[in-house]
């Protein structure tokens, strides 16, 4: 190979190196971190599943975990469904944000107590509207 051939290959080698640095290396690092997170699961930890559901781990098996997403509501999920373990600081922020959002939503909705009897009966009609039948069209 001559020196000109080596110079012709240099851009391809540099491109491959840059591609490896920008794509493969970070992906491998993320995969390693995810595997470590899933291997370190234990009962009592707060987790976020990849679907965005937050819950507390109750039990860990070889391939599945039991997650309590609400008091008395336990779901079974695959270990690979765990996106990340949530720290106690994040968990308190999330639960306080959820409570604040629920309080904001209930404040925006008018209650039935705020309506006069005429308004309440006007909005709640027991009669169903008549729909045209096929023959009337």
C-alpha atoms as a PDB file:
ATOM      1  CA  UNK A   1       0.000   0.000   0.000  1.00  0.00           C
ATOM      2  CA  UNK A   2       1.238   3.374  -0.872  1.00  0.00           C
ATOM      3  CA  UNK A   3       1.037   6.475   1.247  1.00  0.00           C
ATOM      4  CA  UNK A   4      -1.786   7.850  -0.936  1.00  0.00           C
ATOM      5  CA  UNK A   5      -3.899   4.777  -0.209  1.00  0.00           C
ATOM      6  CA  UNK A   6      -3.423   5.304   3.519  1.00  0.00           C
ATOM      7  CA  UNK A   7      -4.491   8.939   3.222  1.00  0.00           C
ATOM      8  CA  UNK A   8      -7.595   7.814   1.306  1.00  0.00           C
ATOM      9  CA  UNK A   9      -8.552   5.448   4.161  1.00  0.00           C
ATOM     10  CA  UNK A  10      -7.974   8.044   6.888  1.00  0.00           C
ATOM     11  CA  UNK A  11     -11.442   9.737   6.604  1.00  0.00           C
ATOM     12  CA  UNK A  12     -13.172   6.350   6.906  1.00  0.00           C
ATOM     13  CA  UNK A  13     -11.122   5.402   9.939  1.00  0.00           C
ATOM     14  CA  UNK A  14     -11.848   8.763  11.582  1.00  0.00           C
ATOM     15  CA  UNK A  15     -15.556   8.434  10.777  1.00  0.00           C
ATOM     16  CA  UNK A  16     -15.652   4.961  12.346  1.00  0.00           C
ATOM     17  CA  UNK A  17     -13.847   6.248  15.439  1.00  0.00           C
ATOM     18  CA  UNK A  18     -16.229   9.198  15.863  1.00  0.00           C
ATOM     19  CA  UNK A  19     -19.226   6.915  15.332  1.00  0.00           C
ATOM     20  CA  UNK A  20     -17.936   4.535  18.004  1.00  0.00           C
ATOM     21  CA  UNK A  21     -17.336   7.403  20.458  1.00  0.00           C
ATOM     22  CA  UNK A  22     -20.735   9.043  19.897  1.00  0.00           C
ATOM     23  CA  UNK A  23     -23.009   6.010  19.497  1.00  0.00           C
ATOM     24  CA  UNK A  24     -21.704   2.655  20.713  1.00  0.00           C
ATOM     25  CA  UNK A  25     -19.843   3.753  23.818  1.00  0.00           C
ATOM     26  CA  UNK A  26     -22.734   5.745  25.415  1.00  0.00           C
ATOM     27  CA  UNK A  27     -25.221   3.000  24.521  1.00  0.00           C
ATOM     28  CA  UNK A  28     -23.049   0.369  26.187  1.00  0.00           C
ATOM     29  CA  UNK A  29     -22.689   2.587  29.261  1.00  0.00           C
ATOM     30  CA  UNK A  30     -26.483   3.066  29.516  1.00  0.00           C
ATOM     31  CA  UNK A  31     -27.029  -0.674  29.110  1.00  0.00           C
ATOM     32  CA  UNK A  32     -24.513  -1.429  31.868  1.00  0.00           C
ATOM     33  CA  UNK A  33     -26.184   1.088  34.221  1.00  0.00           C
ATOM     34  CA  UNK A  34     -29.625  -0.373  33.506  1.00  0.00           C
ATOM     35  CA  UNK A  35     -28.406  -3.895  34.231  1.00  0.00           C
ATOM     36  CA  UNK A  36     -26.862  -2.721  37.512  1.00  0.00           C
ATOM     37  CA  UNK A  37     -30.114  -0.981  38.488  1.00  0.00           C
ATOM     38  CA  UNK A  38     -32.185  -4.085  37.757  1.00  0.00           C
ATOM     39  CA  UNK A  39     -29.719  -6.327  39.602  1.00  0.00           C
ATOM     40  CA  UNK A  40     -29.783  -4.103  42.699  1.00  0.00           C
ATOM     41  CA  UNK A  41     -33.576  -4.201  43.105  1.00  0.00           C
ATOM     42  CA  UNK A  42     -34.794  -5.113  46.554  1.00  0.00           C
ATOM     43  CA  UNK A  43     -37.984  -4.820  48.551  1.00  0.00           C
ATOM     44  CA  UNK A  44     -38.718  -1.367  49.901  1.00  0.00           C
ATOM     45  CA  UNK A  45     -37.180   0.645  47.074  1.00  0.00           C
ATOM     46  CA  UNK A  46     -39.246   3.190  45.156  1.00  0.00           C
ATOM     47  CA  UNK A  47     -39.021   2.652  41.385  1.00  0.00           C
ATOM     48  CA  UNK A  48     -40.282   4.158  38.179  1.00  0.00           C
ATOM     49  CA  UNK A  49     -41.282   1.633  35.541  1.00  0.00           C
ATOM     50  CA  UNK A  50     -40.549   2.336  31.880  1.00  0.00           C
ATOM     51  CA  UNK A  51     -44.275   3.025  31.420  1.00  0.00           C
ATOM     52  CA  UNK A  52     -43.978   5.942  33.850  1.00  0.00           C
ATOM     53  CA  UNK A  53     -45.715   4.229  36.773  1.00  0.00           C
ATOM     54  CA  UNK A  54     -44.189   4.877  40.200  1.00  0.00           C
ATOM     55  CA  UNK A  55     -44.412   2.344  42.987  1.00  0.00           C
ATOM     56  CA  UNK A  56     -42.738   0.582  45.882  1.00  0.00           C
ATOM     57  CA  UNK A  57     -41.109  -2.815  45.356  1.00  0.00           C
ATOM     58  CA  UNK A  58     -42.677  -5.435  47.629  1.00  0.00           C
ATOM     59  CA  UNK A  59     -41.008  -8.625  46.375  1.00  0.00           C
ATOM     60  CA  UNK A  60     -38.312  -9.535  43.868  1.00  0.00           C
ATOM     61  CA  UNK A  61     -38.167 -12.862  41.993  1.00  0.00           C
ATOM     62  CA  UNK A  62     -35.772 -14.049  39.293  1.00  0.00           C
ATOM     63  CA  UNK A  63     -37.643 -12.368  36.433  1.00  0.00           C
ATOM     64  CA  UNK A  64     -40.539 -10.479  38.042  1.00  0.00           C
ATOM     65  CA  UNK A  65     -41.146  -7.945  40.765  1.00  0.00           C
ATOM     66  CA  UNK A  66     -44.249  -7.089  42.783  1.00  0.00           C
ATOM     67  CA  UNK A  67     -44.856  -3.335  42.826  1.00  0.00           C
ATOM     68  CA  UNK A  68     -47.403  -1.529  44.988  1.00  0.00           C
ATOM     69  CA  UNK A  69     -48.599   1.427  42.914  1.00  0.00           C
ATOM     70  CA  UNK A  70     -51.332   2.538  45.326  1.00  0.00           C
ATOM     71  CA  UNK A  71     -52.332   1.405  48.810  1.00  0.00           C
ATOM     72  CA  UNK A  72     -53.654  -2.129  48.340  1.00  0.00           C
ATOM     73  CA  UNK A  73     -52.946  -2.200  44.576  1.00  0.00           C
ATOM     74  CA  UNK A  74     -50.098  -4.537  43.677  1.00  0.00           C
ATOM     75  CA  UNK A  75     -48.983  -5.311  40.141  1.00  0.00           C
ATOM     76  CA  UNK A  76     -46.518  -7.831  38.828  1.00  0.00           C
ATOM     77  CA  UNK A  77     -43.937  -6.521  36.364  1.00  0.00           C
ATOM     78  CA  UNK A  78     -40.902  -7.901  34.584  1.00  0.00           C
ATOM     79  CA  UNK A  79     -37.579  -6.783  36.043  1.00  0.00           C
ATOM     80  CA  UNK A  80     -36.662  -5.181  32.730  1.00  0.00           C
ATOM     81  CA  UNK A  81     -39.669  -2.870  33.084  1.00  0.00           C
ATOM     82  CA  UNK A  82     -37.857  -0.931  35.813  1.00  0.00           C
ATOM     83  CA  UNK A  83     -36.608   2.310  34.318  1.00  0.00           C
ATOM     84  CA  UNK A  84     -34.879   3.664  37.396  1.00  0.00           C
ATOM     85  CA  UNK A  85     -34.771   3.567  41.156  1.00  0.00           C
ATOM     86  CA  UNK A  86     -36.156   6.810  42.552  1.00  0.00           C
ATOM     87  CA  UNK A  87     -34.322   8.406  45.458  1.00  0.00           C
ATOM     88  CA  UNK A  88     -36.255   9.384  48.573  1.00  0.00           C
ATOM     89  CA  UNK A  89     -35.926  13.090  47.680  1.00  0.00           C
ATOM     90  CA  UNK A  90     -37.429  12.523  44.230  1.00  0.00           C
ATOM     91  CA  UNK A  91     -40.170  10.326  45.683  1.00  0.00           C
ATOM     92  CA  UNK A  92     -41.247  13.035  48.140  1.00  0.00           C
ATOM     93  CA  UNK A  93     -41.211  15.641  45.354  1.00  0.00           C
ATOM     94  CA  UNK A  94     -43.347  13.418  43.136  1.00  0.00           C
ATOM     95  CA  UNK A  95     -45.883  12.596  45.852  1.00  0.00           C
ATOM     96  CA  UNK A  96     -46.187  16.252  46.883  1.00  0.00           C
ATOM     97  CA  UNK A  97     -46.615  17.269  43.227  1.00  0.00           C
ATOM     98  CA  UNK A  98     -49.350  14.634  42.794  1.00  0.00           C
ATOM     99  CA  UNK A  99     -51.165  15.878  45.866  1.00  0.00           C
ATOM    100  CA  UNK A 100     -50.898  19.473  44.683  1.00  0.00           C
ATOM    101  CA  UNK A 101     -52.175  18.541  41.210  1.00  0.00           C
ATOM    102  CA  UNK A 102     -55.162  16.729  42.731  1.00  0.00           C
ATOM    103  CA  UNK A 103     -55.923  19.722  44.944  1.00  0.00           C
ATOM    104  CA  UNK A 104     -55.691  22.086  41.940  1.00  0.00           C
ATOM    105  CA  UNK A 105     -58.000  19.906  39.842  1.00  0.00           C
ATOM    106  CA  UNK A 106     -60.633  19.635  42.557  1.00  0.00           C
ATOM    107  CA  UNK A 107     -60.540  23.415  43.099  1.00  0.00           C
ATOM    108  CA  UNK A 108     -61.189  24.032  39.399  1.00  0.00           C
ATOM    109  CA  UNK A 109     -64.237  21.767  39.218  1.00  0.00           C
ATOM    110  CA  UNK A 110     -67.513  23.243  40.442  1.00  0.00           C
ATOM    111  CA  UNK A 111     -69.219  21.084  43.022  1.00  0.00           C
ATOM    112  CA  UNK A 112     -72.893  20.186  42.965  1.00  0.00           C
ATOM    113  CA  UNK A 113     -73.342  22.204  46.160  1.00  0.00           C
ATOM    114  CA  UNK A 114     -72.475  25.447  44.318  1.00  0.00           C
ATOM    115  CA  UNK A 115     -75.376  25.051  41.849  1.00  0.00           C
ATOM    116  CA  UNK A 116     -78.922  26.189  42.359  1.00  0.00           C
ATOM    117  CA  UNK A 117     -81.585  23.470  42.148  1.00  0.00           C
ATOM    118  CA  UNK A 118     -82.692  24.789  38.731  1.00  0.00           C
ATOM    119  CA  UNK A 119     -79.128  24.573  37.350  1.00  0.00           C
ATOM    120  CA  UNK A 120     -78.642  21.116  38.806  1.00  0.00           C
ATOM    121  CA  UNK A 121     -81.851  19.750  37.295  1.00  0.00           C
ATOM    122  CA  UNK A 122     -81.183  21.415  33.927  1.00  0.00           C
ATOM    123  CA  UNK A 123     -77.839  19.660  33.592  1.00  0.00           C
ATOM    124  CA  UNK A 124     -79.158  16.257  34.671  1.00  0.00           C
ATOM    125  CA  UNK A 125     -81.952  15.247  32.376  1.00  0.00           C
ATOM    126  CA  UNK A 126     -83.108  11.634  32.599  1.00  0.00           C
ATOM    127  CA  UNK A 127     -84.590  11.721  29.109  1.00  0.00           C
ATOM    128  CA  UNK A 128     -82.428  10.455  26.282  1.00  0.00           C
ATOM    129  CA  UNK A 129     -82.516  12.415  23.043  1.00  0.00           C
ATOM    130  CA  UNK A 130     -84.321  10.733  20.194  1.00  0.00           C
ATOM    131  CA  UNK A 131     -82.056   9.626  17.406  1.00  0.00           C
ATOM    132  CA  UNK A 132     -83.341   9.253  13.862  1.00  0.00           C
ATOM    133  CA  UNK A 133     -83.898   5.687  12.795  1.00  0.00           C
ATOM    134  CA  UNK A 134     -82.662   4.223   9.566  1.00  0.00           C
ATOM    135  CA  UNK A 135     -86.134   4.450   8.047  1.00  0.00           C
ATOM    136  CA  UNK A 136     -86.466   8.199   8.737  1.00  0.00           C
ATOM    137  CA  UNK A 137     -83.308   9.086   6.809  1.00  0.00           C
END
